[in-house]
């Protein structure tokens, strides 16, 4: 009787874990989505409009990275 009870509890636990895993898989956004060519061009245009050139964008990224080592300056 005790073994049957433990088996039922184990099965219930596995079902709950399985449901939560499936829920997470199907409801979380895909963050590693590969951008389409149009999305990539739009992002490039947005970066160039904002910074003027790739060199300026890279410089600003380096500045932001350095500032983040000092938490009060981190954006």
PDB file of N, CA and C in Angstrom:
ATOM      1  N   UNK A   1       0.822  -1.199   0.000  1.00  0.00           N
ATOM      2  CA  UNK A   1       0.000   0.000   0.000  1.00  0.00           C
ATOM      3  C   UNK A   1       0.862   1.257   0.000  1.00  0.00           C
ATOM      4  N   UNK A   2       1.908   1.249   0.822  1.00  0.00           N
ATOM      5  CA  UNK A   2       2.814   2.410   0.906  1.00  0.00           C
ATOM      6  C   UNK A   2       3.537   2.622  -0.416  1.00  0.00           C
ATOM      7  N   UNK A   3       3.936   1.525  -1.102  1.00  0.00           N
ATOM      8  CA  UNK A   3       4.624   1.630  -2.386  1.00  0.00           C
ATOM      9  C   UNK A   3       3.719   2.219  -3.451  1.00  0.00           C
ATOM     10  N   UNK A   4       2.456   1.833  -3.432  1.00  0.00           N
ATOM     11  CA  UNK A   4       1.501   2.355  -4.404  1.00  0.00           C
ATOM     12  C   UNK A   4       1.314   3.860  -4.214  1.00  0.00           C
ATOM     13  N   UNK A   5       1.227   4.260  -2.948  1.00  0.00           N
ATOM     14  CA  UNK A   5       1.056   5.672  -2.631  1.00  0.00           C
ATOM     15  C   UNK A   5       2.274   6.476  -3.106  1.00  0.00           C
ATOM     16  N   UNK A   6       3.485   5.960  -2.864  1.00  0.00           N
ATOM     17  CA  UNK A   6       4.709   6.636  -3.297  1.00  0.00           C
ATOM     18  C   UNK A   6       4.785   6.708  -4.818  1.00  0.00           C
ATOM     19  N   UNK A   7       4.358   5.646  -5.490  1.00  0.00           N
ATOM     20  CA  UNK A   7       4.358   5.621  -6.947  1.00  0.00           C
ATOM     21  C   UNK A   7       3.413   6.689  -7.506  1.00  0.00           C
ATOM     22  N   UNK A   8       2.244   6.792  -6.929  1.00  0.00           N
ATOM     23  CA  UNK A   8       1.272   7.788  -7.385  1.00  0.00           C
ATOM     24  C   UNK A   8       1.810   9.197  -7.151  1.00  0.00           C
ATOM     25  N   UNK A   9       2.403   9.446  -5.988  1.00  0.00           N
ATOM     26  CA  UNK A   9       2.977  10.762  -5.692  1.00  0.00           C
ATOM     27  C   UNK A   9       4.116  11.065  -6.673  1.00  0.00           C
ATOM     28  N   UNK A  10       4.953  10.075  -6.964  1.00  0.00           N
ATOM     29  CA  UNK A  10       6.051  10.257  -7.907  1.00  0.00           C
ATOM     30  C   UNK A  10       5.552  10.605  -9.299  1.00  0.00           C
ATOM     31  N   UNK A  11       4.520   9.918  -9.739  1.00  0.00           N
ATOM     32  CA  UNK A  11       3.952  10.179 -11.057  1.00  0.00           C
ATOM     33  C   UNK A  11       3.364  11.591 -11.107  1.00  0.00           C
ATOM     34  N   UNK A  12       2.666  11.995 -10.059  1.00  0.00           N
ATOM     35  CA  UNK A  12       2.091  13.345 -10.011  1.00  0.00           C
ATOM     36  C   UNK A  12       3.194  14.393 -10.075  1.00  0.00           C
ATOM     37  N   UNK A  13       4.283  14.184  -9.324  1.00  0.00           N
ATOM     38  CA  UNK A  13       5.398  15.127  -9.338  1.00  0.00           C
ATOM     39  C   UNK A  13       6.004  15.217 -10.734  1.00  0.00           C
ATOM     40  N   UNK A  14       6.220  14.078 -11.392  1.00  0.00           N
ATOM     41  CA  UNK A  14       6.789  14.079 -12.740  1.00  0.00           C
ATOM     42  C   UNK A  14       5.871  14.782 -13.738  1.00  0.00           C
ATOM     43  N   UNK A  15       4.580  14.590 -13.617  1.00  0.00           N
ATOM     44  CA  UNK A  15       3.629  15.238 -14.518  1.00  0.00           C
ATOM     45  C   UNK A  15       3.668  16.755 -14.314  1.00  0.00           C
ATOM     46  N   UNK A  16       3.713  17.195 -13.068  1.00  0.00           N
ATOM     47  CA  UNK A  16       3.764  18.637 -12.786  1.00  0.00           C
ATOM     48  C   UNK A  16       5.049  19.234 -13.341  1.00  0.00           C
ATOM     49  N   UNK A  17       6.176  18.554 -13.135  1.00  0.00           N
ATOM     50  CA  UNK A  17       7.453  19.045 -13.670  1.00  0.00           C
ATOM     51  C   UNK A  17       7.397  19.087 -15.191  1.00  0.00           C
ATOM     52  N   UNK A  18       6.871  18.057 -15.819  1.00  0.00           N
ATOM     53  CA  UNK A  18       6.760  18.018 -17.274  1.00  0.00           C
ATOM     54  C   UNK A  18       5.903  19.142 -17.812  1.00  0.00           C
ATOM     55  N   UNK A  19       4.782  19.386 -17.163  1.00  0.00           N
ATOM     56  CA  UNK A  19       3.895  20.472 -17.607  1.00  0.00           C
ATOM     57  C   UNK A  19       4.600  21.818 -17.474  1.00  0.00           C
ATOM     58  N   UNK A  20       5.328  22.024 -16.372  1.00  0.00           N
ATOM     59  CA  UNK A  20       6.010  23.312 -16.194  1.00  0.00           C
ATOM     60  C   UNK A  20       7.128  23.494 -17.211  1.00  0.00           C
ATOM     61  N   UNK A  21       7.831  22.419 -17.553  1.00  0.00           N
ATOM     62  CA  UNK A  21       8.882  22.506 -18.572  1.00  0.00           C
ATOM     63  C   UNK A  21       8.273  22.831 -19.934  1.00  0.00           C
ATOM     64  N   UNK A  22       7.223  22.150 -20.306  1.00  0.00           N
ATOM     65  CA  UNK A  22       6.560  22.425 -21.584  1.00  0.00           C
ATOM     66  C   UNK A  22       6.007  23.842 -21.630  1.00  0.00           C
ATOM     67  N   UNK A  23       5.437  24.303 -20.516  1.00  0.00           N
ATOM     68  CA  UNK A  23       4.913  25.670 -20.458  1.00  0.00           C
ATOM     69  C   UNK A  23       6.036  26.675 -20.697  1.00  0.00           C
ATOM     70  N   UNK A  24       7.174  26.440 -20.049  1.00  0.00           N
ATOM     71  CA  UNK A  24       8.314  27.346 -20.205  1.00  0.00           C
ATOM     72  C   UNK A  24       8.824  27.340 -21.637  1.00  0.00           C
ATOM     73  N   UNK A  25       8.935  26.176 -22.237  1.00  0.00           N
ATOM     74  CA  UNK A  25       9.437  26.070 -23.609  1.00  0.00           C
ATOM     75  C   UNK A  25       8.538  26.828 -24.579  1.00  0.00           C
ATOM     76  N   UNK A  26       7.245  26.682 -24.432  1.00  0.00           N
ATOM     77  CA  UNK A  26       6.335  27.254 -25.412  1.00  0.00           C
ATOM     78  C   UNK A  26       5.918  28.696 -25.124  1.00  0.00           C
ATOM     79  N   UNK A  27       6.189  29.214 -23.924  1.00  0.00           N
ATOM     80  CA  UNK A  27       5.778  30.579 -23.634  1.00  0.00           C
ATOM     81  C   UNK A  27       6.940  31.565 -23.605  1.00  0.00           C
ATOM     82  N   UNK A  28       8.163  31.096 -23.444  1.00  0.00           N
ATOM     83  CA  UNK A  28       9.315  31.998 -23.423  1.00  0.00           C
ATOM     84  C   UNK A  28       9.619  32.467 -24.842  1.00  0.00           C
ATOM     85  N   UNK A  29       9.961  33.742 -25.008  1.00  0.00           N
ATOM     86  CA  UNK A  29      10.326  34.221 -26.347  1.00  0.00           C
ATOM     87  C   UNK A  29      11.667  33.623 -26.775  1.00  0.00           C
ATOM     88  N   UNK A  30      11.829  33.456 -28.058  1.00  0.00           N
ATOM     89  CA  UNK A  30      13.086  32.926 -28.581  1.00  0.00           C
ATOM     90  C   UNK A  30      14.060  34.093 -28.678  1.00  0.00           C
ATOM     91  N   UNK A  31      15.061  34.096 -27.802  1.00  0.00           N
ATOM     92  CA  UNK A  31      15.988  35.231 -27.767  1.00  0.00           C
ATOM     93  C   UNK A  31      17.115  35.079 -28.785  1.00  0.00           C
ATOM     94  N   UNK A  32      17.355  33.878 -29.240  1.00  0.00           N
ATOM     95  CA  UNK A  32      18.441  33.654 -30.192  1.00  0.00           C
ATOM     96  C   UNK A  32      17.923  33.576 -31.628  1.00  0.00           C
ATOM     97  N   UNK A  33      16.863  34.305 -31.893  1.00  0.00           N
ATOM     98  CA  UNK A  33      16.263  34.307 -33.228  1.00  0.00           C
ATOM     99  C   UNK A  33      17.226  34.940 -34.225  1.00  0.00           C
ATOM    100  N   UNK A  34      17.377  34.313 -35.361  1.00  0.00           N
ATOM    101  CA  UNK A  34      18.246  34.846 -36.406  1.00  0.00           C
ATOM    102  C   UNK A  34      17.475  35.930 -37.156  1.00  0.00           C
ATOM    103  N   UNK A  35      18.039  37.157 -37.199  1.00  0.00           N
ATOM    104  CA  UNK A  35      17.308  38.233 -37.868  1.00  0.00           C
ATOM    105  C   UNK A  35      17.250  38.035 -39.384  1.00  0.00           C
ATOM    106  N   UNK A  36      16.192  38.513 -39.968  1.00  0.00           N
ATOM    107  CA  UNK A  36      16.077  38.468 -41.423  1.00  0.00           C
ATOM    108  C   UNK A  36      16.959  39.560 -42.012  1.00  0.00           C
ATOM    109  N   UNK A  37      17.146  39.521 -43.310  1.00  0.00           N
ATOM    110  CA  UNK A  37      17.986  40.521 -43.977  1.00  0.00           C
ATOM    111  C   UNK A  37      17.409  41.922 -43.780  1.00  0.00           C
ATOM    112  N   UNK A  38      16.075  42.049 -43.834  1.00  0.00           N
ATOM    113  CA  UNK A  38      15.447  43.346 -43.650  1.00  0.00           C
ATOM    114  C   UNK A  38      15.674  43.868 -42.227  1.00  0.00           C
ATOM    115  N   UNK A  39      15.539  42.982 -41.242  1.00  0.00           N
ATOM    116  CA  UNK A  39      15.760  43.393 -39.850  1.00  0.00           C
ATOM    117  C   UNK A  39      17.209  43.811 -39.627  1.00  0.00           C
ATOM    118  N   UNK A  40      18.123  43.084 -40.249  1.00  0.00           N
ATOM    119  CA  UNK A  40      19.538  43.400 -40.107  1.00  0.00           C
ATOM    120  C   UNK A  40      19.864  44.764 -40.728  1.00  0.00           C
ATOM    121  N   UNK A  41      19.322  45.020 -41.915  1.00  0.00           N
ATOM    122  CA  UNK A  41      19.555  46.310 -42.575  1.00  0.00           C
ATOM    123  C   UNK A  41      18.941  47.457 -41.767  1.00  0.00           C
ATOM    124  N   UNK A  42      17.756  47.227 -41.202  1.00  0.00           N
ATOM    125  CA  UNK A  42      17.107  48.255 -40.384  1.00  0.00           C
ATOM    126  C   UNK A  42      17.947  48.564 -39.144  1.00  0.00           C
ATOM    127  N   UNK A  43      18.528  47.531 -38.540  1.00  0.00           N
ATOM    128  CA  UNK A  43      19.369  47.741 -37.367  1.00  0.00           C
ATOM    129  C   UNK A  43      20.645  48.487 -37.738  1.00  0.00           C
ATOM    130  N   UNK A  44      21.242  48.116 -38.866  1.00  0.00           N
ATOM    131  CA  UNK A  44      22.442  48.821 -39.329  1.00  0.00           C
ATOM    132  C   UNK A  44      22.132  50.300 -39.575  1.00  0.00           C
ATOM    133  N   UNK A  45      20.984  50.573 -40.219  1.00  0.00           N
ATOM    134  CA  UNK A  45      20.593  51.955 -40.494  1.00  0.00           C
ATOM    135  C   UNK A  45      20.371  52.718 -39.195  1.00  0.00           C
ATOM    136  N   UNK A  46      19.733  52.066 -38.223  1.00  0.00           N
ATOM    137  CA  UNK A  46      19.477  52.708 -36.942  1.00  0.00           C
ATOM    138  C   UNK A  46      20.790  53.059 -36.235  1.00  0.00           C
ATOM    139  N   UNK A  47      21.758  52.143 -36.275  1.00  0.00           N
ATOM    140  CA  UNK A  47      23.064  52.391 -35.647  1.00  0.00           C
ATOM    141  C   UNK A  47      23.778  53.536 -36.351  1.00  0.00           C
ATOM    142  N   UNK A  48      23.789  53.498 -37.681  1.00  0.00           N
ATOM    143  CA  UNK A  48      24.481  54.551 -38.432  1.00  0.00           C
ATOM    144  C   UNK A  48      23.798  55.906 -38.272  1.00  0.00           C
ATOM    145  N   UNK A  49      22.459  55.922 -38.194  1.00  0.00           N
ATOM    146  CA  UNK A  49      21.739  57.181 -37.964  1.00  0.00           C
ATOM    147  C   UNK A  49      22.085  57.759 -36.597  1.00  0.00           C
ATOM    148  N   UNK A  50      22.247  56.889 -35.634  1.00  0.00           N
ATOM    149  CA  UNK A  50      22.503  57.355 -34.271  1.00  0.00           C
ATOM    150  C   UNK A  50      23.950  57.806 -34.070  1.00  0.00           C
ATOM    151  N   UNK A  51      24.901  57.021 -34.596  1.00  0.00           N
ATOM    152  CA  UNK A  51      26.312  57.299 -34.316  1.00  0.00           C
ATOM    153  C   UNK A  51      27.085  57.875 -35.496  1.00  0.00           C
ATOM    154  N   UNK A  52      26.538  57.825 -36.685  1.00  0.00           N
ATOM    155  CA  UNK A  52      27.207  58.415 -37.837  1.00  0.00           C
ATOM    156  C   UNK A  52      28.150  57.469 -38.562  1.00  0.00           C
ATOM    157  N   UNK A  53      28.889  56.652 -37.812  1.00  0.00           N
ATOM    158  CA  UNK A  53      29.795  55.689 -38.445  1.00  0.00           C
ATOM    159  C   UNK A  53      29.982  54.495 -37.512  1.00  0.00           C
ATOM    160  N   UNK A  54      30.520  53.425 -38.087  1.00  0.00           N
ATOM    161  CA  UNK A  54      30.768  52.224 -37.278  1.00  0.00           C
ATOM    162  C   UNK A  54      31.839  52.501 -36.230  1.00  0.00           C
ATOM    163  N   UNK A  55      32.816  53.329 -36.575  1.00  0.00           N
ATOM    164  CA  UNK A  55      33.891  53.641 -35.625  1.00  0.00           C
ATOM    165  C   UNK A  55      33.327  54.348 -34.392  1.00  0.00           C
ATOM    166  N   UNK A  56      32.425  55.313 -34.632  1.00  0.00           N
ATOM    167  CA  UNK A  56      31.800  56.022 -33.507  1.00  0.00           C
ATOM    168  C   UNK A  56      30.964  55.060 -32.655  1.00  0.00           C
ATOM    169  N   UNK A  57      30.260  54.145 -33.312  1.00  0.00           N
ATOM    170  CA  UNK A  57      29.435  53.180 -32.584  1.00  0.00           C
ATOM    171  C   UNK A  57      30.308  52.264 -31.731  1.00  0.00           C
ATOM    172  N   UNK A  58      31.433  51.801 -32.301  1.00  0.00           N
ATOM    173  CA  UNK A  58      32.340  50.937 -31.545  1.00  0.00           C
ATOM    174  C   UNK A  58      32.959  51.688 -30.369  1.00  0.00           C
ATOM    175  N   UNK A  59      33.335  52.949 -30.601  1.00  0.00           N
ATOM    176  CA  UNK A  59      33.915  53.767 -29.536  1.00  0.00           C
ATOM    177  C   UNK A  59      32.908  53.937 -28.394  1.00  0.00           C
ATOM    178  N   UNK A  60      31.654  54.241 -28.749  1.00  0.00           N
ATOM    179  CA  UNK A  60      30.632  54.427 -27.723  1.00  0.00           C
ATOM    180  C   UNK A  60      30.388  53.135 -26.952  1.00  0.00           C
ATOM    181  N   UNK A  61      30.410  51.994 -27.650  1.00  0.00           N
ATOM    182  CA  UNK A  61      30.225  50.706 -26.977  1.00  0.00           C
ATOM    183  C   UNK A  61      31.352  50.454 -25.981  1.00  0.00           C
ATOM    184  N   UNK A  62      32.586  50.795 -26.364  1.00  0.00           N
ATOM    185  CA  UNK A  62      33.719  50.629 -25.456  1.00  0.00           C
ATOM    186  C   UNK A  62      33.582  51.551 -24.246  1.00  0.00           C
ATOM    187  N   UNK A  63      33.134  52.773 -24.475  1.00  0.00           N
ATOM    188  CA  UNK A  63      32.950  53.715 -23.364  1.00  0.00           C
ATOM    189  C   UNK A  63      31.891  53.195 -22.391  1.00  0.00           C
ATOM    190  N   UNK A  64      30.800  52.685 -22.932  1.00  0.00           N
ATOM    191  CA  UNK A  64      29.736  52.149 -22.081  1.00  0.00           C
ATOM    192  C   UNK A  64      30.236  50.960 -21.278  1.00  0.00           C
ATOM    193  N   UNK A  65      31.042  50.119 -21.913  1.00  0.00           N
ATOM    194  CA  UNK A  65      31.577  48.944 -21.235  1.00  0.00           C
ATOM    195  C   UNK A  65      32.496  49.364 -20.089  1.00  0.00           C
ATOM    196  N   UNK A  66      33.341  50.369 -20.316  1.00  0.00           N
ATOM    197  CA  UNK A  66      34.250  50.842 -19.276  1.00  0.00           C
ATOM    198  C   UNK A  66      33.483  51.494 -18.131  1.00  0.00           C
ATOM    199  N   UNK A  67      32.451  52.257 -18.449  1.00  0.00           N
ATOM    200  CA  UNK A  67      31.670  52.926 -17.405  1.00  0.00           C
ATOM    201  C   UNK A  67      30.943  51.934 -16.517  1.00  0.00           C
ATOM    202  N   UNK A  68      30.602  50.776 -17.057  1.00  0.00           N
ATOM    203  CA  UNK A  68      29.835  49.799 -16.281  1.00  0.00           C
ATOM    204  C   UNK A  68      30.686  49.121 -15.213  1.00  0.00           C
ATOM    205  N   UNK A  69      31.988  49.328 -15.233  1.00  0.00           N
ATOM    206  CA  UNK A  69      32.807  48.826 -14.140  1.00  0.00           C
ATOM    207  C   UNK A  69      32.684  49.737 -12.930  1.00  0.00           C
ATOM    208  N   UNK A  70      32.151  50.939 -13.132  1.00  0.00           N
ATOM    209  CA  UNK A  70      31.904  51.891 -12.066  1.00  0.00           C
ATOM    210  C   UNK A  70      30.383  52.031 -11.954  1.00  0.00           C
ATOM    211  N   UNK A  71      29.728  51.274 -11.039  1.00  0.00           N
ATOM    212  CA  UNK A  71      28.263  51.199 -11.010  1.00  0.00           C
ATOM    213  C   UNK A  71      27.510  52.523 -11.037  1.00  0.00           C
ATOM    214  N   UNK A  72      27.963  53.602 -10.376  1.00  0.00           N
ATOM    215  CA  UNK A  72      27.174  54.835 -10.460  1.00  0.00           C
ATOM    216  C   UNK A  72      27.097  55.403 -11.881  1.00  0.00           C
ATOM    217  N   UNK A  73      28.090  55.073 -12.726  1.00  0.00           N
ATOM    218  CA  UNK A  73      28.090  55.589 -14.090  1.00  0.00           C
ATOM    219  C   UNK A  73      27.425  54.638 -15.073  1.00  0.00           C
ATOM    220  N   UNK A  74      27.151  53.422 -14.648  1.00  0.00           N
ATOM    221  CA  UNK A  74      26.588  52.407 -15.549  1.00  0.00           C
ATOM    222  C   UNK A  74      25.170  52.796 -15.946  1.00  0.00           C
ATOM    223  N   UNK A  75      24.874  52.712 -17.245  1.00  0.00           N
ATOM    224  CA  UNK A  75      23.550  53.096 -17.743  1.00  0.00           C
ATOM    225  C   UNK A  75      22.658  51.895 -17.849  1.00  0.00           C
TER     226      UNK A  75
END
